[in-house]
């Protein structure tokens, strides 16, 4: 007997059977597949909350971040505006900054994030973000990517 589905041996057993039998076998296969999928989803949902992206502080020591990036900001009306200084010799891209609003005791009361698309090596980049009212603010680098400095970087976006 020659197999009709050489890449799918489980389907080869179905070749040449009457349509009704073929439908019953496919129904069994689909029922099994959905049961496995449903069980997997239920197990993942029961595992609890899945954390989002890993923060840069978890990937890099704070001393490393302090060595490569300096942050300067001020509140201007309803915004926090400032600059990210990159003191390294590599381009930092896709940077996410975390802006935390602090109460009088220094505890965070709200959080806002903003993107900085590109911070050239040995240079700075501007950022601005609307924030809720707070007594003080703290800005930190949440994540970033080191990228190769290319002359045609505008084409990559």
N, C-alpha and C. Protein backbone atom coordinates (compact mmCIF):
# COMPACT_ATOMS: atom_id res chain seq x y z
N UNK A 1 0.83 -1.17 0.00
CA UNK A 1 0.00 0.00 0.00
C UNK A 1 0.88 1.24 0.00
N UNK A 2 0.59 2.15 -0.89
CA UNK A 2 1.37 3.37 -1.01
C UNK A 2 0.71 4.49 -0.20
N UNK A 3 1.51 5.20 0.58
CA UNK A 3 0.95 6.27 1.40
C UNK A 3 0.72 7.51 0.54
N UNK A 4 -0.40 8.17 0.76
CA UNK A 4 -0.73 9.37 0.00
C UNK A 4 -0.21 10.64 0.67
N UNK A 5 0.05 10.59 1.95
CA UNK A 5 0.53 11.74 2.69
C UNK A 5 1.86 11.39 3.36
N UNK A 6 2.97 11.41 2.59
CA UNK A 6 4.24 10.96 3.17
C UNK A 6 4.73 11.84 4.32
N UNK A 7 4.37 13.12 4.33
CA UNK A 7 4.83 14.00 5.41
C UNK A 7 3.92 13.96 6.63
N UNK A 8 2.74 13.36 6.49
CA UNK A 8 1.77 13.28 7.57
C UNK A 8 1.30 11.85 7.74
N UNK A 9 2.08 10.99 8.43
CA UNK A 9 1.71 9.58 8.55
C UNK A 9 0.36 9.36 9.21
N UNK A 10 -0.04 10.26 10.13
CA UNK A 10 -1.32 10.07 10.79
C UNK A 10 -2.48 10.27 9.82
N UNK A 11 -2.27 11.01 8.72
CA UNK A 11 -3.31 11.17 7.71
C UNK A 11 -3.30 10.05 6.69
N UNK A 12 -2.16 9.35 6.54
CA UNK A 12 -2.07 8.27 5.57
C UNK A 12 -3.04 7.15 5.90
N UNK A 13 -3.34 6.93 7.15
CA UNK A 13 -4.28 5.88 7.53
C UNK A 13 -5.69 6.22 7.09
N UNK A 14 -5.95 7.51 6.80
CA UNK A 14 -7.28 7.92 6.38
C UNK A 14 -7.48 7.82 4.88
N UNK A 15 -6.40 7.72 4.11
CA UNK A 15 -6.50 7.70 2.65
C UNK A 15 -7.26 6.46 2.18
N UNK A 16 -8.17 6.65 1.25
CA UNK A 16 -8.91 5.54 0.65
C UNK A 16 -10.11 5.09 1.45
N UNK A 17 -10.38 5.67 2.60
CA UNK A 17 -11.54 5.29 3.39
C UNK A 17 -12.78 6.03 2.90
N UNK A 18 -13.94 5.52 3.20
CA UNK A 18 -15.16 6.24 2.83
C UNK A 18 -15.24 7.57 3.57
N UNK A 19 -15.98 8.50 3.00
CA UNK A 19 -16.07 9.85 3.55
C UNK A 19 -16.57 9.86 4.99
N UNK A 20 -17.57 9.06 5.31
CA UNK A 20 -18.13 9.05 6.66
C UNK A 20 -17.06 8.67 7.69
N UNK A 21 -16.26 7.65 7.37
CA UNK A 21 -15.21 7.21 8.29
C UNK A 21 -14.14 8.29 8.41
N UNK A 22 -13.81 8.89 7.27
CA UNK A 22 -12.81 9.96 7.27
C UNK A 22 -13.28 11.11 8.16
N UNK A 23 -14.55 11.48 8.07
CA UNK A 23 -15.10 12.56 8.88
C UNK A 23 -15.06 12.22 10.36
N UNK A 24 -15.36 10.99 10.72
CA UNK A 24 -15.32 10.58 12.11
C UNK A 24 -13.91 10.65 12.67
N UNK A 25 -12.93 10.20 11.87
CA UNK A 25 -11.54 10.25 12.33
C UNK A 25 -11.06 11.70 12.48
N UNK A 26 -11.44 12.55 11.52
CA UNK A 26 -11.04 13.95 11.62
C UNK A 26 -11.72 14.62 12.82
N UNK A 27 -12.98 14.25 13.09
CA UNK A 27 -13.68 14.79 14.24
C UNK A 27 -12.94 14.40 15.52
N UNK A 28 -12.46 13.16 15.59
CA UNK A 28 -11.71 12.70 16.76
C UNK A 28 -10.40 13.49 16.90
N UNK A 29 -9.70 13.68 15.79
CA UNK A 29 -8.44 14.43 15.83
C UNK A 29 -8.68 15.88 16.27
N UNK A 30 -9.71 16.53 15.73
CA UNK A 30 -10.00 17.90 16.10
C UNK A 30 -10.44 18.02 17.56
N UNK A 31 -11.24 17.05 18.02
CA UNK A 31 -11.69 17.08 19.41
C UNK A 31 -10.49 16.95 20.35
N UNK A 32 -9.55 16.09 20.01
CA UNK A 32 -8.34 15.90 20.81
C UNK A 32 -7.49 17.18 20.81
N UNK A 33 -7.36 17.79 19.63
CA UNK A 33 -6.55 19.01 19.52
C UNK A 33 -7.16 20.13 20.36
N UNK A 34 -8.48 20.31 20.29
CA UNK A 34 -9.13 21.36 21.08
C UNK A 34 -9.07 21.06 22.58
N UNK A 35 -9.13 19.81 22.95
CA UNK A 35 -9.01 19.44 24.36
C UNK A 35 -7.63 19.80 24.89
N UNK A 36 -6.59 19.49 24.11
CA UNK A 36 -5.23 19.82 24.51
C UNK A 36 -5.06 21.34 24.59
N UNK A 37 -5.58 22.07 23.60
CA UNK A 37 -5.48 23.53 23.60
C UNK A 37 -6.21 24.13 24.81
N UNK A 38 -7.40 23.66 25.09
CA UNK A 38 -8.16 24.16 26.22
C UNK A 38 -7.48 23.88 27.54
N UNK A 39 -6.90 22.69 27.68
CA UNK A 39 -6.18 22.34 28.91
C UNK A 39 -4.96 23.24 29.09
N UNK A 40 -4.25 23.51 28.01
CA UNK A 40 -3.07 24.37 28.07
C UNK A 40 -3.46 25.79 28.49
N UNK A 41 -4.53 26.32 27.92
CA UNK A 41 -4.98 27.67 28.28
C UNK A 41 -5.40 27.72 29.74
N UNK A 42 -6.13 26.69 30.19
CA UNK A 42 -6.57 26.66 31.58
C UNK A 42 -5.39 26.60 32.54
N UNK A 43 -4.36 25.83 32.20
CA UNK A 43 -3.18 25.73 33.06
C UNK A 43 -2.42 27.05 33.11
N UNK A 44 -2.30 27.71 31.95
CA UNK A 44 -1.60 28.99 31.92
C UNK A 44 -2.38 30.06 32.66
N UNK A 45 -3.70 30.05 32.55
CA UNK A 45 -4.52 31.03 33.25
C UNK A 45 -4.45 30.80 34.76
N UNK A 46 -4.36 29.57 35.19
CA UNK A 46 -4.28 29.26 36.61
C UNK A 46 -2.92 29.53 37.19
N UNK A 47 -1.91 29.74 36.34
CA UNK A 47 -0.55 29.97 36.82
C UNK A 47 -0.39 31.36 37.42
N UNK A 48 -1.35 32.23 37.19
CA UNK A 48 -1.26 33.58 37.74
C UNK A 48 -0.87 34.58 36.69
N UNK A 49 -0.65 35.78 37.13
CA UNK A 49 -0.32 36.86 36.22
C UNK A 49 1.06 36.64 35.62
N UNK A 50 1.16 36.85 34.31
CA UNK A 50 2.44 36.75 33.62
C UNK A 50 3.03 38.15 33.57
N UNK A 51 4.24 38.30 34.04
CA UNK A 51 4.87 39.62 34.08
C UNK A 51 5.17 40.11 32.69
N UNK A 52 5.17 41.41 32.51
CA UNK A 52 5.43 42.04 31.22
C UNK A 52 6.91 42.01 30.89
N UNK A 53 7.34 42.96 30.07
CA UNK A 53 8.74 42.98 29.67
C UNK A 53 9.67 43.18 30.87
N UNK A 54 10.84 42.61 30.77
CA UNK A 54 11.81 42.72 31.85
C UNK A 54 12.38 44.14 31.85
N UNK A 55 12.45 44.73 33.03
CA UNK A 55 12.97 46.09 33.15
C UNK A 55 14.48 46.10 32.94
N UNK A 56 14.98 47.21 32.44
CA UNK A 56 16.41 47.34 32.18
C UNK A 56 17.21 47.18 33.46
N UNK A 57 16.66 47.65 34.58
CA UNK A 57 17.38 47.56 35.84
C UNK A 57 17.59 46.10 36.24
N UNK A 58 16.75 45.20 35.75
CA UNK A 58 16.92 43.79 36.04
C UNK A 58 17.96 43.15 35.13
N UNK A 59 18.17 43.75 33.95
CA UNK A 59 19.15 43.22 33.03
C UNK A 59 20.53 43.84 33.23
N UNK A 60 20.55 45.07 33.67
CA UNK A 60 21.79 45.81 33.87
C UNK A 60 21.86 46.27 35.31
N UNK A 61 23.04 46.26 35.86
CA UNK A 61 23.22 46.78 37.21
C UNK A 61 22.96 48.28 37.20
N UNK A 62 22.37 48.81 38.26
CA UNK A 62 22.11 50.26 38.30
C UNK A 62 23.36 51.09 38.07
N UNK A 63 24.50 50.59 38.50
CA UNK A 63 25.74 51.32 38.28
C UNK A 63 26.04 51.44 36.79
N UNK A 64 25.70 50.39 36.02
CA UNK A 64 25.92 50.42 34.58
C UNK A 64 25.01 51.46 33.93
N UNK A 65 23.74 51.49 34.34
CA UNK A 65 22.82 52.48 33.78
C UNK A 65 23.28 53.89 34.13
N UNK A 66 23.74 54.09 35.36
CA UNK A 66 24.21 55.41 35.77
C UNK A 66 25.46 55.82 35.00
N UNK A 67 26.26 54.84 34.61
CA UNK A 67 27.49 55.15 33.88
C UNK A 67 27.19 55.58 32.45
N UNK A 68 26.17 54.98 31.81
CA UNK A 68 25.87 55.26 30.42
C UNK A 68 24.80 56.33 30.20
N UNK A 69 23.88 56.49 31.14
CA UNK A 69 22.76 57.42 30.93
C UNK A 69 22.63 58.39 32.10
N UNK A 70 22.45 59.64 31.76
CA UNK A 70 22.14 60.68 32.74
C UNK A 70 20.78 61.26 32.35
N UNK A 71 19.94 61.50 33.34
CA UNK A 71 18.61 62.04 33.09
C UNK A 71 18.51 63.43 33.72
N UNK A 72 17.94 64.35 32.97
CA UNK A 72 17.72 65.71 33.44
C UNK A 72 16.30 66.08 33.06
N UNK A 73 15.47 66.50 34.03
CA UNK A 73 14.08 66.80 33.73
C UNK A 73 13.55 67.88 34.66
N UNK A 74 12.42 68.44 34.25
CA UNK A 74 11.72 69.42 35.08
C UNK A 74 10.25 69.38 34.71
N UNK A 75 9.43 69.85 35.64
CA UNK A 75 7.99 69.90 35.38
C UNK A 75 7.67 71.21 34.71
N UNK A 76 6.88 71.15 33.66
CA UNK A 76 6.49 72.34 32.91
C UNK A 76 4.98 72.26 32.70
N UNK A 77 4.21 72.86 33.60
CA UNK A 77 2.75 72.78 33.50
C UNK A 77 2.27 71.37 33.81
N UNK A 78 1.61 70.73 32.83
CA UNK A 78 1.11 69.37 33.01
C UNK A 78 2.06 68.32 32.46
N UNK A 79 3.27 68.74 32.08
CA UNK A 79 4.23 67.83 31.47
C UNK A 79 5.51 67.73 32.29
N UNK A 80 6.20 66.62 32.10
CA UNK A 80 7.58 66.48 32.56
C UNK A 80 8.41 66.43 31.29
N UNK A 81 9.30 67.39 31.12
CA UNK A 81 10.17 67.48 29.94
C UNK A 81 11.61 67.34 30.38
N UNK A 82 12.43 66.77 29.52
CA UNK A 82 13.83 66.65 29.86
C UNK A 82 14.66 66.02 28.77
N UNK A 83 15.88 65.65 29.15
CA UNK A 83 16.82 65.06 28.22
C UNK A 83 17.40 63.78 28.81
N UNK A 84 17.67 62.83 27.92
CA UNK A 84 18.43 61.63 28.26
C UNK A 84 19.80 61.81 27.62
N UNK A 85 20.84 61.76 28.43
CA UNK A 85 22.20 61.88 27.94
C UNK A 85 22.81 60.49 27.84
N UNK A 86 23.32 60.15 26.67
CA UNK A 86 24.00 58.88 26.44
C UNK A 86 25.50 59.16 26.43
N UNK A 87 26.20 58.71 27.46
CA UNK A 87 27.64 58.94 27.54
C UNK A 87 28.44 57.79 26.96
N UNK A 88 27.75 56.77 26.45
CA UNK A 88 28.43 55.63 25.85
C UNK A 88 28.76 55.86 24.39
N UNK A 89 29.53 54.96 23.83
CA UNK A 89 29.93 55.05 22.42
C UNK A 89 29.02 54.23 21.51
N UNK A 90 27.88 53.79 22.02
CA UNK A 90 26.92 53.03 21.22
C UNK A 90 25.58 53.75 21.24
N UNK A 91 24.84 53.57 20.17
CA UNK A 91 23.51 54.16 20.04
C UNK A 91 22.51 53.37 20.87
N UNK A 92 21.68 54.06 21.62
CA UNK A 92 20.60 53.43 22.39
C UNK A 92 19.29 53.74 21.68
N UNK A 93 18.48 52.73 21.45
CA UNK A 93 17.22 52.92 20.75
C UNK A 93 16.09 52.24 21.51
N UNK A 94 14.88 52.56 21.11
CA UNK A 94 13.66 51.97 21.69
C UNK A 94 13.66 52.10 23.21
N UNK A 95 14.10 53.23 23.71
CA UNK A 95 14.21 53.43 25.15
C UNK A 95 12.83 53.75 25.74
N UNK A 96 12.52 53.12 26.86
CA UNK A 96 11.29 53.40 27.59
C UNK A 96 11.69 54.02 28.92
N UNK A 97 11.13 55.19 29.20
CA UNK A 97 11.38 55.87 30.47
C UNK A 97 10.15 55.73 31.36
N UNK A 98 10.38 55.49 32.62
CA UNK A 98 9.32 55.40 33.61
C UNK A 98 9.33 56.69 34.42
N UNK A 99 8.19 57.40 34.41
CA UNK A 99 8.04 58.64 35.17
C UNK A 99 7.07 58.34 36.31
N UNK A 100 7.58 58.42 37.54
CA UNK A 100 6.77 58.12 38.72
C UNK A 100 6.43 59.42 39.44
N UNK A 101 5.16 59.59 39.75
CA UNK A 101 4.74 60.70 40.59
C UNK A 101 4.84 60.28 42.05
N UNK A 102 5.47 61.11 42.88
CA UNK A 102 5.72 60.75 44.28
C UNK A 102 4.91 61.65 45.21
N UNK A 103 4.49 61.07 46.34
CA UNK A 103 3.81 61.88 47.36
C UNK A 103 4.85 62.53 48.27
N UNK A 104 4.42 63.18 49.32
CA UNK A 104 5.32 63.88 50.23
C UNK A 104 6.34 62.99 50.92
N UNK A 105 5.99 61.70 51.10
CA UNK A 105 6.91 60.79 51.77
C UNK A 105 7.82 60.05 50.79
N UNK A 106 7.72 60.34 49.50
CA UNK A 106 8.58 59.70 48.52
C UNK A 106 8.04 58.40 47.96
N UNK A 107 6.79 58.06 48.29
CA UNK A 107 6.18 56.83 47.77
C UNK A 107 5.51 57.11 46.42
N UNK A 108 5.65 56.20 45.45
CA UNK A 108 5.00 56.41 44.15
C UNK A 108 3.48 56.37 44.27
N UNK A 109 2.82 57.35 43.65
CA UNK A 109 1.35 57.39 43.64
C UNK A 109 0.80 57.18 42.24
N UNK A 110 1.61 57.41 41.20
CA UNK A 110 1.19 57.13 39.83
C UNK A 110 2.42 56.89 38.98
N UNK A 111 2.21 56.21 37.85
CA UNK A 111 3.30 55.88 36.94
C UNK A 111 2.88 56.18 35.51
N UNK A 112 3.81 56.71 34.75
CA UNK A 112 3.60 57.00 33.34
C UNK A 112 4.85 56.57 32.60
N UNK A 113 4.69 56.04 31.40
CA UNK A 113 5.86 55.69 30.59
C UNK A 113 5.86 56.53 29.32
N UNK A 114 7.04 56.70 28.77
CA UNK A 114 7.19 57.40 27.50
C UNK A 114 8.33 56.76 26.73
N UNK A 115 8.28 56.91 25.41
CA UNK A 115 9.30 56.34 24.53
C UNK A 115 10.30 57.41 24.12
N UNK A 116 11.56 57.01 24.03
CA UNK A 116 12.58 57.83 23.39
C UNK A 116 13.11 56.96 22.26
N UNK A 117 12.86 57.41 21.05
CA UNK A 117 13.15 56.57 19.89
C UNK A 117 14.63 56.30 19.69
N UNK A 118 15.46 57.33 19.86
CA UNK A 118 16.86 57.20 19.49
C UNK A 118 17.70 58.13 20.35
N UNK A 119 18.75 57.60 20.99
CA UNK A 119 19.69 58.43 21.76
C UNK A 119 21.07 58.18 21.15
N UNK A 120 21.58 59.13 20.37
CA UNK A 120 22.87 58.94 19.70
C UNK A 120 24.01 58.79 20.70
N UNK A 121 25.10 58.15 20.28
CA UNK A 121 26.25 58.02 21.19
C UNK A 121 26.85 59.38 21.51
N UNK A 122 27.22 59.55 22.77
CA UNK A 122 27.83 60.79 23.25
C UNK A 122 26.99 62.02 22.89
N UNK A 123 25.68 61.88 23.08
CA UNK A 123 24.76 62.95 22.73
C UNK A 123 23.55 62.88 23.65
N UNK A 124 22.51 63.61 23.32
CA UNK A 124 21.31 63.61 24.15
C UNK A 124 20.07 63.55 23.27
N UNK A 125 18.94 63.21 23.90
CA UNK A 125 17.65 63.16 23.21
C UNK A 125 16.59 63.75 24.14
N UNK A 126 15.65 64.49 23.56
CA UNK A 126 14.59 65.14 24.32
C UNK A 126 13.44 64.18 24.57
N UNK A 127 12.77 64.32 25.70
CA UNK A 127 11.53 63.60 25.96
C UNK A 127 10.57 64.54 26.66
N UNK A 128 9.30 64.26 26.47
CA UNK A 128 8.24 65.01 27.12
C UNK A 128 7.04 64.12 27.29
N UNK A 129 6.39 64.19 28.45
CA UNK A 129 5.24 63.32 28.72
C UNK A 129 4.27 64.06 29.64
N UNK A 130 2.98 63.91 29.36
CA UNK A 130 1.95 64.47 30.24
C UNK A 130 1.83 63.58 31.47
N UNK A 131 1.76 64.21 32.64
CA UNK A 131 1.73 63.45 33.89
C UNK A 131 0.62 63.98 34.80
N UNK A 132 0.09 63.10 35.67
CA UNK A 132 -0.85 63.57 36.69
C UNK A 132 -0.10 64.40 37.75
N UNK A 133 -0.83 65.20 38.47
CA UNK A 133 -0.23 66.05 39.50
C UNK A 133 0.34 65.21 40.64
N UNK A 134 1.52 65.57 41.09
CA UNK A 134 2.17 64.90 42.22
C UNK A 134 3.10 65.90 42.90
N UNK A 135 3.53 65.57 44.12
CA UNK A 135 4.43 66.46 44.87
C UNK A 135 5.81 66.51 44.23
N UNK A 136 6.29 65.38 43.72
CA UNK A 136 7.61 65.31 43.09
C UNK A 136 7.57 64.20 42.05
N UNK A 137 8.64 64.11 41.28
CA UNK A 137 8.70 63.10 40.22
C UNK A 137 10.05 62.41 40.24
N UNK A 138 10.05 61.16 39.76
CA UNK A 138 11.29 60.40 39.60
C UNK A 138 11.25 59.79 38.20
N UNK A 139 12.32 59.96 37.43
CA UNK A 139 12.41 59.44 36.07
C UNK A 139 13.53 58.41 36.04
N UNK A 140 13.26 57.26 35.44
CA UNK A 140 14.28 56.21 35.34
C UNK A 140 14.16 55.50 34.00
N UNK A 141 15.26 54.90 33.57
CA UNK A 141 15.28 54.12 32.34
C UNK A 141 14.69 52.76 32.66
N UNK A 142 13.63 52.40 31.93
CA UNK A 142 12.99 51.10 32.16
C UNK A 142 13.56 50.05 31.24
N UNK A 143 13.76 50.37 29.96
CA UNK A 143 14.36 49.42 29.02
C UNK A 143 14.93 50.18 27.84
N UNK A 144 15.82 49.52 27.12
CA UNK A 144 16.43 50.11 25.93
C UNK A 144 17.14 48.99 25.17
N UNK A 145 17.55 49.30 23.95
CA UNK A 145 18.33 48.38 23.12
C UNK A 145 19.58 49.09 22.65
N UNK A 146 20.71 48.40 22.74
CA UNK A 146 21.92 48.90 22.10
C UNK A 146 21.82 48.51 20.64
N UNK A 147 22.04 49.45 19.73
CA UNK A 147 21.96 49.15 18.30
C UNK A 147 23.22 49.63 17.61
N UNK A 148 23.47 49.00 16.47
CA UNK A 148 24.62 49.38 15.65
C UNK A 148 24.33 50.72 15.01
N UNK A 149 25.28 51.61 15.03
CA UNK A 149 25.10 52.93 14.44
C UNK A 149 25.25 52.82 12.93
N UNK A 150 24.14 53.02 12.22
CA UNK A 150 24.14 52.91 10.76
C UNK A 150 23.83 54.27 10.15
N UNK A 151 24.39 54.50 8.99
CA UNK A 151 24.13 55.76 8.31
C UNK A 151 22.72 55.81 7.73
N UNK A 152 22.18 54.64 7.37
CA UNK A 152 20.85 54.59 6.76
C UNK A 152 19.79 54.17 7.79
N UNK A 153 19.89 54.64 9.04
CA UNK A 153 19.00 54.20 10.10
C UNK A 153 17.55 54.60 9.86
N UNK A 154 17.30 55.66 9.07
CA UNK A 154 15.91 56.07 8.82
C UNK A 154 15.17 55.01 8.03
N UNK A 155 15.85 54.25 7.21
CA UNK A 155 15.19 53.19 6.42
C UNK A 155 14.73 52.04 7.31
N UNK A 156 15.40 51.85 8.44
CA UNK A 156 15.06 50.73 9.33
C UNK A 156 13.76 50.99 10.07
N UNK A 157 13.30 52.22 10.14
CA UNK A 157 12.06 52.53 10.86
C UNK A 157 10.94 52.52 9.88
